[in-house]
Amino acid sequence: MLRPKLELLDKGTVERILAEAHELLWDPGVRIHSDQALKLVAEAGATVDFASKVANIPVELVNKTLETVPSSFYLYDSERNPVVHYGDDDVQFDPGSAAIEFLDYGATRSRKPVTADFVAYIKLAEMLPELDAVSTALVCSDVPESMADLYRLYLVLRYARKPVISGAFAVETWSIMRDLLVAVAGSKEALAAKPIAVFDVCPSPPLLWSEITCRNMMDCARAGIPAQLVSMPLAGATGPATLVGSVVQHAAESLSGITIHQLARAGAPIVWGGSPAAFDMRTGTPPMGAIETLMIDCAYVQVGKYLGLPTHAYMGMSDAKIVDAQAGFESGIGNVLAALAGVNMVSGAGMMDFESCFSLEKLVIDNELIGMARRLVRGVDTSEDPLATAIMRQVGHGGNFLATKHTRRWFRQELFIPSPVIDRDYREAWESKGAKDVVQRAHERVEQLLAAYEPKPLPKEVEQELVAITLRAAQERGMGTLPPL
């Protein structure tokens, strides 16, 4: 079966991109605001100015660390089953993160998310079949900001069993988040052997690593917890205005991250990911649904695949403020292009408004879009021989294929069957059911799935440990009790 694929670059251009990225790592080099990371690269052969915190990294060092990066790895669910495969052209999807706004059904103005919103989201994400993993998608406003990252991981682990895409906001909270994961996995060794989460680590454009991100990245490497690079140049603002120029910057930042990460622990899993955007000069915004943003994504993923690395991208999002036609076509185009590009993990479902707002109804609609994208890359099945002559001779000129065993055998395999969120009925039937638009149908689906959610309880001692770890962090930050669940 021929799998349809999208490639925007030829081999020569990919090699030019990498050559220029290596040049940038040497001159002007990378500013690294972490003495520990600077010491690592200096001892490995980089030229480091500790006063300016700039490391000039030679190509030989970068290539040496690239040799130790695993070309693939798995994420596991809480029952220790391999669920997500980072590698080859396998494509998986998870909700985007991390939204600081939440859009209620029927609203035109968003608000700050709270615990109840997160619980509803994670139950819904756990129920949607096209989501392979969940994410710490919302930042809850009803807990102290200094524990917002660990609190959302706590909520995920309480309610979801799928693998988790997460990330720490501080050096101090990373270890607490690791402890939460260890509580579920059983031990640090078990977590490293069968990781249930991957942590996003984000360089600052252009060519800069903060102390927080460096520490998180190195801590992940030493613990054997997969890290996911999220380079995010803004073409024309914090990166070159040309699309290919931003891909060069992405490559340089990602290669520097891999170097630091692998020097911390060779062989630790890391993902070539990102969240770039093509800057809109008219509005001063970073549109995540712009076709140029999606082109940068597909191009940098192609560079990562050339290097034999697992890949990730923030795609399938929209910049719309409500769940409307713009939200649908931007998200649909993004999911289709991501699938065709073979992105291993596509983050974005449910997200809108420049990656800042989350909608449950959009998450449900995106689930349908993802199913269509998956069907596209499955391609056209040509395994039957003969392709059509036998069944057509059997049916003859009567034309009734519905009654044949051939149709019963093939139609479910060949067709993506959407949920009632997608209307495929005749107008009369649509009108008889209330003439509802897609957002109304999505809202009904949200309510149905939340009502049908059945938790898979954690062992009592694991649940108690999760609560104890999180409550201790809350009390250290002046919060006496956790919000009710």
Protein backbone atom coordinates (compact mmCIF):
# COMPACT_ATOMS: atom_id res chain seq x y z
CA MET A 1 0.00 0.00 0.00
CA LEU A 2 1.42 3.39 -1.01
CA ARG A 3 1.36 5.87 1.86
CA PRO A 4 0.85 9.48 0.73
CA LYS A 5 3.62 11.75 2.02
CA LEU A 6 4.45 15.44 2.02
CA GLU A 7 7.98 16.77 1.61
CA LEU A 8 8.69 20.46 1.08
CA LEU A 9 12.48 20.22 0.81
CA ASP A 10 14.86 18.30 -1.42
CA LYS A 11 17.84 16.50 0.09
CA GLY A 12 20.26 19.21 -0.97
CA THR A 13 18.25 21.91 0.82
CA VAL A 14 18.02 19.84 4.00
CA GLU A 15 21.80 19.47 3.96
CA ARG A 16 22.26 23.22 3.38
CA ILE A 17 19.95 23.92 6.34
CA LEU A 18 22.01 21.68 8.59
CA ALA A 19 25.30 23.10 7.32
CA GLU A 20 24.17 26.65 8.13
CA ALA A 21 22.82 25.54 11.51
CA HIS A 22 26.25 24.15 12.35
CA GLU A 23 27.83 27.43 11.26
CA LEU A 24 25.54 29.35 13.61
CA LEU A 25 26.41 27.08 16.52
CA TRP A 26 30.05 28.05 16.01
CA ASP A 27 29.50 31.71 15.11
CA PRO A 28 27.81 33.51 16.85
CA GLY A 29 27.32 30.44 19.08
CA VAL A 30 24.60 29.85 21.65
CA ARG A 31 23.92 31.83 24.80
CA ILE A 32 23.34 29.38 27.66
CA HIS A 33 22.22 30.78 31.03
CA SER A 34 23.26 27.69 32.94
CA ASP A 35 26.75 27.30 34.35
CA GLN A 36 26.19 23.57 34.64
CA ALA A 37 25.35 23.27 30.94
CA LEU A 38 28.20 25.58 29.96
CA LYS A 39 30.63 23.40 31.92
CA LEU A 40 29.30 20.28 30.16
CA VAL A 41 29.83 21.67 26.67
CA ALA A 42 33.20 23.21 27.60
CA GLU A 43 34.53 19.92 28.91
CA ALA A 44 33.33 18.22 25.73
CA GLY A 45 35.25 20.57 23.41
CA ALA A 46 33.17 23.72 22.92
CA THR A 47 34.74 27.14 23.28
CA VAL A 48 32.95 28.85 26.15
CA ASP A 49 33.01 32.43 27.40
CA PHE A 50 31.62 32.06 30.90
CA ALA A 51 31.32 35.84 31.33
CA SER A 52 29.02 36.30 28.34
CA LYS A 53 27.61 32.76 28.70
CA VAL A 54 28.18 32.07 25.01
CA ALA A 55 29.27 28.65 23.82
CA ASN A 56 30.76 28.16 20.36
CA ILE A 57 29.94 24.54 19.59
CA PRO A 58 31.95 22.74 16.88
CA VAL A 59 30.23 20.52 14.34
CA GLU A 60 32.26 17.51 15.49
CA LEU A 61 30.78 17.75 18.99
CA VAL A 62 27.22 18.08 17.70
CA ASN A 63 27.61 15.10 15.38
CA LYS A 64 29.08 13.02 18.18
CA THR A 65 26.04 13.64 20.38
CA LEU A 66 23.65 12.99 17.48
CA GLU A 67 25.07 9.48 17.25
CA THR A 68 23.81 8.63 20.75
CA VAL A 69 20.21 9.86 20.36
CA PRO A 70 17.68 6.99 20.12
CA SER A 71 15.93 6.98 16.75
CA SER A 72 12.70 5.86 18.41
CA PHE A 73 11.10 5.08 21.76
CA TYR A 74 7.68 4.35 23.26
CA LEU A 75 5.46 6.10 25.76
CA TYR A 76 3.39 3.81 27.95
CA ASP A 77 0.00 4.13 29.56
CA SER A 78 -0.44 3.80 33.30
CA GLU A 79 -0.96 0.06 32.90
CA ARG A 80 2.51 -0.21 31.30
CA ASN A 81 1.31 -0.89 27.74
CA PRO A 82 3.25 0.69 24.84
CA VAL A 83 0.81 3.17 23.32
CA VAL A 84 2.72 5.94 21.54
CA HIS A 85 5.64 5.23 19.22
CA TYR A 86 7.97 8.12 18.55
CA GLY A 87 9.77 7.08 15.38
CA ASP A 88 9.54 6.29 11.67
CA ASP A 89 6.40 7.84 10.12
CA ASP A 90 4.04 6.79 12.90
CA VAL A 91 1.59 9.63 13.60
CA GLN A 92 -0.10 10.23 16.97
CA PHE A 93 -2.14 13.11 18.34
CA ASP A 94 -2.62 14.85 21.67
CA PRO A 95 -4.35 18.05 22.84
CA GLY A 96 -2.34 21.27 22.70
CA SER A 97 -1.06 23.11 25.77
CA ALA A 98 -0.89 25.18 27.83
CA ALA A 99 -4.04 27.29 27.64
CA ILE A 100 -4.42 30.20 30.05
CA GLU A 101 -8.00 30.83 28.85
CA PHE A 102 -11.08 28.61 28.58
CA LEU A 103 -14.07 29.07 26.27
CA ASP A 104 -17.44 27.93 27.58
CA TYR A 105 -20.05 26.60 25.16
CA GLY A 106 -21.94 29.47 23.56
CA ALA A 107 -19.60 32.14 24.91
CA THR A 108 -17.74 34.73 22.86
CA ARG A 109 -15.50 35.82 25.72
CA SER A 110 -13.04 33.41 27.33
CA ARG A 111 -12.15 33.19 31.03
CA LYS A 112 -9.45 31.79 33.29
CA PRO A 113 -9.60 27.99 33.69
CA VAL A 114 -10.18 26.38 37.08
CA THR A 115 -9.89 22.83 38.38
CA ALA A 116 -13.42 21.84 37.29
CA ASP A 117 -12.56 22.81 33.69
CA PHE A 118 -9.41 20.70 33.77
CA VAL A 119 -11.25 17.69 35.17
CA ALA A 120 -13.90 17.96 32.44
CA TYR A 121 -11.20 18.31 29.80
CA ILE A 122 -9.15 15.32 30.93
CA LYS A 123 -12.20 13.06 31.20
CA LEU A 124 -13.19 14.06 27.68
CA ALA A 125 -9.67 13.58 26.27
CA GLU A 126 -9.50 10.15 27.87
CA MET A 127 -12.73 9.19 26.10
CA LEU A 128 -11.91 10.46 22.60
CA PRO A 129 -10.58 7.56 20.50
CA GLU A 130 -8.39 9.56 18.12
CA LEU A 131 -6.27 11.05 20.91
CA ASP A 132 -3.32 8.76 21.60
CA ALA A 133 -2.02 10.81 24.51
CA VAL A 134 -3.27 13.56 26.79
CA SER A 135 -1.52 16.78 27.75
CA THR A 136 -1.41 19.14 30.68
CA ALA A 137 -3.54 21.39 28.50
CA LEU A 138 -4.85 24.03 30.92
CA VAL A 139 -3.22 26.24 33.53
CA CYS A 140 -5.59 26.30 36.50
CA SER A 141 -6.07 29.73 38.05
CA ASP A 142 -7.37 28.43 41.39
CA VAL A 143 -3.97 27.28 42.63
CA PRO A 144 -0.80 29.34 43.21
CA GLU A 145 1.05 30.11 39.99
CA SER A 146 4.21 28.57 41.45
CA MET A 147 2.59 25.12 41.48
CA ALA A 148 0.45 25.38 38.33
CA ASP A 149 2.66 22.98 36.37
CA LEU A 150 2.76 20.18 38.92
CA TYR A 151 -0.93 20.58 39.77
CA ARG A 152 -2.08 19.96 36.22
CA LEU A 153 0.10 16.82 36.04
CA TYR A 154 -1.48 15.69 39.31
CA LEU A 155 -4.94 16.08 37.76
CA VAL A 156 -3.93 14.18 34.64
CA LEU A 157 -2.57 11.28 36.67
CA ARG A 158 -5.73 11.16 38.80
CA TYR A 159 -8.11 10.92 35.83
CA ALA A 160 -6.27 9.69 32.72
CA ARG A 161 -4.49 6.49 31.83
CA LYS A 162 -3.10 7.58 28.47
CA PRO A 163 0.52 8.79 28.14
CA VAL A 164 1.12 12.45 29.03
CA ILE A 165 2.71 15.40 27.21
CA SER A 166 3.77 17.83 29.94
CA GLY A 167 6.41 20.31 30.99
CA ALA A 168 7.75 22.12 34.05
CA PHE A 169 7.69 25.89 34.55
CA ALA A 170 10.50 25.97 37.11
CA VAL A 171 13.62 24.15 38.25
CA GLU A 172 12.09 23.32 41.64
CA THR A 173 8.81 21.89 40.37
CA TRP A 174 10.42 19.44 37.93
CA SER A 175 11.47 17.10 40.75
CA ILE A 176 7.97 17.17 42.26
CA MET A 177 6.49 16.31 38.86
CA ARG A 178 8.98 13.44 38.58
CA ASP A 179 7.87 12.20 42.00
CA LEU A 180 4.25 12.21 40.80
CA LEU A 181 5.22 10.10 37.79
CA VAL A 182 7.29 7.76 39.95
CA ALA A 183 4.28 7.25 42.22
CA VAL A 184 2.33 5.90 39.25
CA ALA A 185 5.22 3.99 37.65
CA GLY A 186 6.32 2.36 40.91
CA SER A 187 9.96 3.42 40.96
CA LYS A 188 12.45 5.68 39.20
CA GLU A 189 13.85 2.65 37.40
CA ALA A 190 10.40 1.58 36.21
CA LEU A 191 9.66 5.10 34.97
CA ALA A 192 12.90 5.22 32.97
CA ALA A 193 12.32 1.76 31.52
CA LYS A 194 8.71 2.48 30.51
CA PRO A 195 8.16 6.26 30.49
CA ILE A 196 4.58 7.49 30.76
CA ALA A 197 5.34 11.15 30.02
CA VAL A 198 7.46 13.42 27.87
CA PHE A 199 8.53 16.91 28.99
CA ASP A 200 8.57 19.90 26.63
CA VAL A 201 11.75 21.98 26.83
CA CYS A 202 11.75 25.32 25.01
CA PRO A 203 14.79 27.32 23.90
CA SER A 204 14.27 31.08 23.64
CA PRO A 205 14.66 32.51 20.14
CA PRO A 206 17.16 33.27 18.86
CA LEU A 207 19.84 30.81 20.02
CA LEU A 208 19.32 31.11 23.77
CA TRP A 209 18.74 28.64 26.59
CA SER A 210 17.43 29.76 29.98
CA GLU A 211 18.56 28.30 33.30
CA ILE A 212 15.12 26.74 33.86
CA THR A 213 14.95 25.03 30.48
CA CYS A 214 18.54 23.77 30.62
CA ARG A 215 18.04 22.31 34.07
CA ASN A 216 14.76 20.66 33.10
CA MET A 217 16.35 19.20 29.98
CA MET A 218 19.37 17.85 31.83
CA ASP A 219 17.22 16.53 34.67
CA CYS A 220 15.05 14.68 32.13
CA ALA A 221 18.12 13.15 30.51
CA ARG A 222 19.57 11.92 33.81
CA ALA A 223 16.22 10.48 34.90
CA GLY A 224 15.60 8.77 31.56
CA ILE A 225 12.38 10.76 31.08
CA PRO A 226 11.97 11.74 27.40
CA ALA A 227 12.43 15.42 26.58
CA GLN A 228 10.73 17.17 23.68
CA LEU A 229 12.48 20.14 22.10
CA VAL A 230 10.09 23.00 21.31
CA SER A 231 12.04 25.56 19.29
CA MET A 232 9.77 28.46 18.31
CA PRO A 233 11.23 31.10 16.01
CA LEU A 234 8.77 33.76 14.83
CA ALA A 235 9.53 34.35 11.17
CA GLY A 236 10.23 38.07 10.77
CA ALA A 237 10.20 38.86 14.51
CA THR A 238 12.51 36.56 16.52
CA GLY A 239 13.71 34.65 13.45
CA PRO A 240 14.48 35.28 9.77
CA ALA A 241 11.51 36.40 7.67
CA THR A 242 12.04 33.61 5.15
CA LEU A 243 10.48 30.28 5.95
CA VAL A 244 13.67 28.38 5.25
CA GLY A 245 15.63 30.85 7.40
CA SER A 246 13.39 30.03 10.36
CA VAL A 247 13.96 26.32 9.69
CA VAL A 248 17.72 26.98 9.88
CA GLN A 249 17.26 28.74 13.23
CA HIS A 250 15.06 25.89 14.47
CA ALA A 251 17.75 23.39 13.48
CA ALA A 252 20.51 25.34 15.24
CA GLU A 253 18.52 25.69 18.47
CA SER A 254 17.47 22.04 18.41
CA LEU A 255 20.98 20.76 17.70
CA SER A 256 22.34 22.80 20.60
CA GLY A 257 19.66 21.32 22.85
CA ILE A 258 20.51 17.80 21.76
CA THR A 259 24.17 18.48 22.50
CA ILE A 260 23.48 19.63 26.06
CA HIS A 261 20.97 16.83 26.63
CA GLN A 262 23.19 14.01 25.41
CA LEU A 263 26.21 15.33 27.31
CA ALA A 264 24.07 15.11 30.46
CA ARG A 265 23.33 11.47 29.64
CA ALA A 266 24.17 9.83 26.36
CA GLY A 267 21.37 7.71 24.95
CA ALA A 268 18.53 9.47 26.75
CA PRO A 269 15.43 9.91 24.53
CA ILE A 270 14.77 13.33 23.02
CA VAL A 271 12.35 14.58 20.37
CA TRP A 272 12.94 17.02 17.49
CA GLY A 273 9.90 19.24 18.05
CA GLY A 274 8.77 22.82 17.88
CA SER A 275 6.12 25.53 17.83
CA PRO A 276 7.30 28.18 15.35
CA ALA A 277 5.04 30.70 13.65
CA ALA A 278 5.05 33.08 10.71
CA PHE A 279 4.72 36.51 12.35
CA ASP A 280 1.83 38.63 11.07
CA MET A 281 3.24 42.12 10.51
CA ARG A 282 -0.21 43.71 10.37
CA THR A 283 -1.41 42.60 13.78
CA GLY A 284 1.78 41.70 15.63
CA THR A 285 0.46 38.20 16.27
CA PRO A 286 1.94 34.70 15.86
CA PRO A 287 -0.76 32.85 13.84
CA MET A 288 -0.60 29.12 14.50
CA GLY A 289 -3.15 28.39 11.77
CA ALA A 290 -1.31 30.29 9.02
CA ILE A 291 -0.28 28.15 6.06
CA GLU A 292 3.28 29.50 6.36
CA THR A 293 3.44 28.37 9.99
CA LEU A 294 2.38 24.90 8.92
CA MET A 295 4.98 24.93 6.13
CA ILE A 296 7.75 25.76 8.62
CA ASP A 297 6.50 22.89 10.80
CA CYS A 298 6.53 20.37 7.95
CA ALA A 299 9.94 21.53 6.79
CA TYR A 300 11.64 21.26 10.19
CA VAL A 301 10.05 17.84 10.71
CA GLN A 302 11.62 16.77 7.42
CA VAL A 303 15.02 17.90 8.72
CA GLY A 304 14.49 15.86 11.90
CA LYS A 305 13.56 12.80 9.86
CA TYR A 306 16.69 13.24 7.76
CA LEU A 307 18.67 13.03 11.00
CA GLY A 308 16.75 9.89 12.02
CA LEU A 309 15.13 11.52 15.06
CA PRO A 310 11.67 11.25 16.63
CA THR A 311 9.55 14.28 15.70
CA HIS A 312 6.84 16.53 17.14
CA ALA A 313 4.93 19.63 16.04
CA TYR A 314 2.25 21.97 17.33
CA MET A 315 -0.25 21.75 14.47
CA GLY A 316 -4.02 21.36 14.08
CA MET A 317 -4.73 24.58 15.98
CA SER A 318 -6.65 27.72 15.04
CA ASP A 319 -6.36 31.41 15.78
CA ALA A 320 -10.16 31.81 15.85
CA LYS A 321 -11.68 33.22 19.04
CA ILE A 322 -14.81 31.05 18.87
CA VAL A 323 -15.52 27.61 17.43
CA ASP A 324 -16.45 28.67 13.91
CA ALA A 325 -15.59 27.96 10.27
CA GLN A 326 -12.09 29.44 10.72
CA ALA A 327 -11.48 27.12 13.67
CA GLY A 328 -12.50 24.18 11.50
CA PHE A 329 -10.58 24.87 8.31
CA GLU A 330 -7.35 25.96 10.02
CA SER A 331 -7.35 22.94 12.32
CA GLY A 332 -8.30 20.57 9.52
CA ILE A 333 -5.54 21.76 7.20
CA GLY A 334 -3.00 21.52 10.02
CA ASN A 335 -3.95 17.98 11.00
CA VAL A 336 -3.90 16.76 7.39
CA LEU A 337 -0.50 18.32 6.67
CA ALA A 338 0.93 16.94 9.92
CA ALA A 339 -0.26 13.45 9.07
CA LEU A 340 1.14 13.67 5.53
CA ALA A 341 4.47 14.90 6.93
CA GLY A 342 4.62 11.90 9.28
CA VAL A 343 4.92 13.92 12.49
CA ASN A 344 5.26 11.41 15.32
CA MET A 345 3.34 13.53 17.85
CA VAL A 346 0.95 16.26 16.75
CA SER A 347 -0.07 18.60 19.58
CA GLY A 348 -2.92 21.04 19.10
CA ALA A 349 -6.39 19.54 19.42
CA GLY A 350 -8.77 21.80 21.32
CA MET A 351 -6.53 24.86 21.09
CA MET A 352 -7.38 28.25 19.61
CA ASP A 353 -6.60 31.97 19.92
CA PHE A 354 -2.84 31.77 19.29
CA GLU A 355 -2.33 28.68 21.43
CA SER A 356 -3.79 30.38 24.50
CA CYS A 357 -7.41 29.22 24.76
CA PHE A 358 -9.07 25.80 25.04
CA SER A 359 -12.54 24.63 24.02
CA LEU A 360 -14.12 21.26 24.80
CA GLU A 361 -16.33 21.54 21.72
CA LYS A 362 -13.32 22.20 19.52
CA LEU A 363 -11.56 19.19 21.05
CA VAL A 364 -14.48 16.98 20.00
CA ILE A 365 -14.54 18.42 16.48
CA ASP A 366 -10.76 18.02 16.20
CA ASN A 367 -11.15 14.37 17.12
CA GLU A 368 -13.16 13.92 13.91
CA LEU A 369 -10.62 15.88 11.85
CA ILE A 370 -7.84 13.68 13.19
CA GLY A 371 -9.75 10.57 12.20
CA MET A 372 -10.02 11.88 8.65
CA ALA A 373 -6.31 12.73 8.55
CA ARG A 374 -5.42 9.25 9.75
CA ARG A 375 -7.59 7.73 7.04
CA LEU A 376 -5.83 9.80 4.40
CA VAL A 377 -2.34 8.60 5.29
CA ARG A 378 -3.49 5.01 5.48
CA GLY A 379 -3.70 5.34 1.71
CA VAL A 380 -5.51 3.30 -0.90
CA ASP A 381 -5.60 -0.44 -0.22
CA THR A 382 -4.60 -2.30 -3.39
CA SER A 383 -4.24 -5.72 -1.78
CA GLU A 384 -7.33 -7.27 -3.33
CA ASP A 385 -6.64 -9.17 -6.54
CA PRO A 386 -8.36 -8.61 -8.87
CA LEU A 387 -9.01 -5.03 -7.80
CA ALA A 388 -12.64 -4.86 -8.95
CA THR A 389 -13.45 -7.17 -11.85
CA ALA A 390 -14.61 -10.14 -9.74
CA ILE A 391 -17.14 -8.22 -7.65
CA MET A 392 -18.35 -6.20 -10.63
CA ARG A 393 -18.98 -9.37 -12.65
CA GLN A 394 -20.78 -10.86 -9.64
CA VAL A 395 -23.12 -7.88 -9.32
CA GLY A 396 -23.45 -7.33 -13.05
CA HIS A 397 -25.63 -4.58 -14.47
CA GLY A 398 -28.10 -4.74 -11.58
CA GLY A 399 -25.81 -2.45 -9.59
CA ASN A 400 -26.75 -3.59 -6.07
CA PHE A 401 -23.46 -3.85 -4.21
CA LEU A 402 -25.09 -3.29 -0.80
CA ALA A 403 -26.23 -6.91 -0.46
CA THR A 404 -22.84 -8.50 -1.15
CA LYS A 405 -20.44 -10.06 1.33
CA HIS A 406 -17.73 -8.00 -0.38
CA THR A 407 -19.34 -4.74 0.78
CA ARG A 408 -19.90 -6.05 4.31
CA ARG A 409 -16.26 -7.09 4.43
CA TRP A 410 -14.76 -3.87 3.13
CA PHE A 411 -16.86 -0.83 4.02
CA ARG A 412 -15.77 -0.47 7.66
CA GLN A 413 -12.16 -1.07 6.70
CA GLU A 414 -12.21 1.43 3.86
CA LEU A 415 -14.28 4.21 5.42
CA PHE A 416 -13.67 6.44 8.41
CA ILE A 417 -17.02 6.41 10.19
CA PRO A 418 -17.42 9.72 12.05
CA SER A 419 -19.49 10.27 15.16
CA PRO A 420 -22.77 12.22 14.96
CA VAL A 421 -20.70 15.40 15.34
CA ILE A 422 -20.30 15.23 11.55
CA ASP A 423 -23.61 15.58 9.70
CA ARG A 424 -23.99 13.28 6.69
CA ASP A 425 -27.76 13.04 6.63
CA TYR A 426 -30.31 14.35 4.13
CA ARG A 427 -31.65 17.84 4.81
CA GLU A 428 -35.07 16.53 5.89
CA ALA A 429 -33.51 14.27 8.50
CA TRP A 430 -31.17 17.06 9.67
CA GLU A 431 -34.12 19.39 10.11
CA SER A 432 -36.14 16.75 11.95
CA LYS A 433 -33.30 16.41 14.48
CA GLY A 434 -33.33 20.14 15.24
CA ALA A 435 -31.27 21.65 12.39
CA LYS A 436 -28.25 21.82 14.69
CA ASP A 437 -24.90 23.17 13.57
CA VAL A 438 -21.60 21.41 14.22
CA VAL A 439 -20.90 23.30 17.45
CA GLN A 440 -24.27 22.29 18.91
CA ARG A 441 -23.66 18.69 17.94
CA ALA A 442 -20.16 18.86 19.42
CA HIS A 443 -21.56 20.20 22.69
CA GLU A 444 -24.02 17.31 22.87
CA ARG A 445 -21.13 14.93 22.25
CA VAL A 446 -19.15 16.56 25.07
CA GLU A 447 -22.03 16.01 27.47
CA GLN A 448 -22.56 12.41 26.32
CA LEU A 449 -18.89 11.48 26.74
CA LEU A 450 -18.55 13.16 30.13
CA ALA A 451 -21.63 11.29 31.33
CA ALA A 452 -20.21 8.02 30.00
CA TYR A 453 -16.74 8.49 31.52
CA GLU A 454 -15.85 5.65 33.86
CA PRO A 455 -12.66 6.04 35.84
CA LYS A 456 -10.07 3.31 35.94
CA PRO A 457 -9.12 3.62 39.59
CA LEU A 458 -5.50 3.77 40.60
CA PRO A 459 -4.42 1.57 43.48
CA LYS A 460 -5.47 3.30 46.69
CA GLU A 461 -1.91 3.72 47.89
CA VAL A 462 -0.88 5.36 44.60
CA GLU A 463 -3.78 7.79 44.75
CA GLN A 464 -2.93 8.67 48.34
CA GLU A 465 0.69 9.30 47.41
CA LEU A 466 -0.31 11.59 44.52
CA VAL A 467 -2.51 13.59 46.89
CA ALA A 468 0.19 13.76 49.55
CA ILE A 469 2.87 15.00 47.15
CA THR A 470 0.60 17.67 45.67
CA LEU A 471 -0.86 18.77 49.01
CA ARG A 472 2.63 19.15 50.45
CA ALA A 473 3.60 21.39 47.52
CA ALA A 474 0.41 23.42 47.99
CA GLN A 475 1.00 23.89 51.72
CA GLU A 476 4.57 25.03 51.09
CA ARG A 477 3.03 27.74 48.88
CA GLY A 478 0.51 28.90 51.45
CA MET A 479 -2.51 26.86 50.28
CA GLY A 480 -4.06 24.78 53.04
CA THR A 481 -6.09 22.35 50.94
CA LEU A 482 -6.40 21.34 47.31
CA PRO A 483 -9.43 22.44 45.27
CA PRO A 484 -12.26 19.89 45.42
CA LEU A 485 -12.42 17.40 42.56
